Amino acid sequence: DLIVDQTIEKVSFCAPDRNFDRAFSYICRDGTTRRWICHCFMAVKDTGERLSHAVGCAFAACLERKQKREKECGVTATFDASRTTFTREGSFRVTTATEQAEREETMRQMPDAK
């Protein structure tokens, strides 16, 4: 059964418990309330350290893919400290070959209009 449905990109910290071998926890940002929440779990068959490591590896892989995607798509994010908000510019949406051709055609016609 699913206990928590958490987007791995929202995880900011994950660690095993130093007092219980089978325990681990992670801190993440809740998508709806935007609050930071700490989730703690007790492993049934494995150690907390092993599961914590798996979550950490998943987070690192996801972050690497996200940064690569941002670099390829030209997406940028800025942080406004006064409002504690991020603003994203650009889009991760992949354009089709037809859309790309239409965009290039539009760009070619623009100097002619001047």
Protein backbone atom coordinates (compact mmCIF):
# COMPACT_ATOMS: atom_id res chain seq x y z
CA ASP A 1 0.00 0.00 0.00
CA LEU A 2 1.11 3.55 -0.76
CA ILE A 3 1.96 5.46 2.42
CA VAL A 4 3.11 8.81 0.97
CA ASP A 5 2.89 10.13 -2.57
CA GLN A 6 5.87 12.48 -2.66
CA THR A 7 7.57 14.07 -5.66
CA ILE A 8 11.28 13.34 -5.28
CA GLU A 9 12.17 16.83 -6.54
CA LYS A 10 10.61 18.35 -3.43
CA VAL A 11 12.86 16.40 -1.03
CA SER A 12 15.56 18.60 0.44
CA PHE A 13 17.13 16.40 3.13
CA CYS A 14 17.17 12.67 3.90
CA ALA A 15 19.01 10.84 6.67
CA PRO A 16 18.95 7.63 8.69
CA ASP A 17 18.06 7.87 12.38
CA ARG A 18 21.09 7.55 14.62
CA ASN A 19 19.05 5.93 17.44
CA PHE A 20 17.07 3.33 15.48
CA ASP A 21 18.75 1.18 12.81
CA ARG A 22 15.59 0.72 10.78
CA ALA A 23 14.41 4.35 10.87
CA PHE A 24 15.00 7.16 8.37
CA SER A 25 13.39 10.50 7.63
CA TYR A 26 13.30 13.18 5.00
CA ILE A 27 12.23 16.81 4.80
CA CYS A 28 10.20 18.02 1.85
CA ARG A 29 8.01 20.87 0.68
CA ASP A 30 4.31 20.05 0.57
CA GLY A 31 2.86 20.84 -2.85
CA THR A 32 -0.46 22.24 -1.66
CA THR A 33 0.34 24.05 1.60
CA ARG A 34 3.97 24.92 0.66
CA ARG A 35 4.98 23.98 4.22
CA TRP A 36 8.15 22.06 5.06
CA ILE A 37 7.25 18.64 6.46
CA CYS A 38 9.42 15.96 8.03
CA HIS A 39 8.38 12.38 7.20
CA CYS A 40 9.76 9.59 9.41
CA PHE A 41 9.60 5.87 8.57
CA MET A 42 10.56 2.53 10.09
CA ALA A 43 11.82 0.02 7.53
CA VAL A 44 10.24 -3.44 7.60
CA LYS A 45 12.95 -5.47 5.87
CA ASP A 46 15.90 -3.13 5.36
CA THR A 47 17.97 -0.66 7.35
CA GLY A 48 17.15 3.02 7.55
CA GLU A 49 20.62 3.84 6.29
CA ARG A 50 20.13 1.79 3.14
CA LEU A 51 16.71 3.30 2.41
CA SER A 52 17.95 6.80 3.18
CA HIS A 53 20.81 6.25 0.74
CA ALA A 54 18.33 5.09 -1.95
CA VAL A 55 16.19 8.22 -1.49
CA GLY A 56 19.33 10.38 -1.59
CA CYS A 57 20.50 8.74 -4.83
CA ALA A 58 17.05 9.19 -6.39
CA PHE A 59 17.06 12.86 -5.40
CA ALA A 60 20.57 13.39 -6.83
CA ALA A 61 19.62 11.70 -10.13
CA CYS A 62 16.43 13.74 -10.36
CA LEU A 63 18.26 16.99 -9.62
CA GLU A 64 20.87 16.19 -12.29
CA ARG A 65 18.16 15.51 -14.88
CA LYS A 66 16.31 18.69 -13.90
CA GLN A 67 19.45 20.82 -14.24
CA LYS A 68 20.23 19.25 -17.62
CA ARG A 69 16.66 19.87 -18.80
CA GLU A 70 16.82 23.49 -17.62
CA LYS A 71 20.12 24.03 -19.44
CA GLU A 72 18.80 22.53 -22.69
CA CYS A 73 15.47 24.38 -22.59
CA GLY A 74 16.81 27.73 -21.48
CA VAL A 75 14.68 27.73 -18.34
CA THR A 76 15.85 29.98 -15.54
CA ALA A 77 14.62 30.45 -12.00
CA THR A 78 15.15 33.46 -9.76
CA PHE A 79 14.56 33.70 -6.03
CA ASP A 80 12.92 36.78 -4.50
CA ALA A 81 14.09 36.85 -0.86
CA SER A 82 11.61 39.56 0.16
CA ARG A 83 8.66 37.39 -0.87
CA THR A 84 10.46 34.02 -0.50
CA THR A 85 9.26 32.93 -3.92
CA PHE A 86 10.81 31.46 -7.04
CA THR A 87 9.97 32.77 -10.49
CA ARG A 88 10.54 30.50 -13.48
CA GLU A 89 11.13 31.92 -16.93
CA GLY A 90 10.91 29.70 -19.98
CA SER A 91 9.21 26.37 -20.47
CA PHE A 92 10.12 22.72 -20.22
CA ARG A 93 7.60 21.94 -22.94
CA VAL A 94 9.18 20.13 -25.87
CA THR A 95 8.15 21.58 -29.22
CA THR A 96 7.22 19.37 -32.14
CA ALA A 97 9.07 19.54 -35.45
CA THR A 98 6.07 21.31 -36.99
CA GLU A 99 5.99 23.95 -34.23
CA GLN A 100 9.74 24.49 -34.56
CA ALA A 101 9.44 24.92 -38.34
CA GLU A 102 6.59 27.42 -37.90
CA ARG A 103 8.64 29.39 -35.36
CA GLU A 104 11.65 29.48 -37.70
CA GLU A 105 9.45 30.61 -40.58
CA THR A 106 8.01 33.40 -38.44
CA MET A 107 11.50 34.49 -37.43
CA ARG A 108 12.64 34.57 -41.08
CA GLN A 109 9.69 36.78 -42.04
CA MET A 110 10.23 39.31 -39.26
CA PRO A 111 13.12 41.25 -40.92
CA ASP A 112 11.04 41.43 -44.14
CA ALA A 113 8.23 43.17 -42.24
CA LYS A 114 10.56 46.01 -41.20
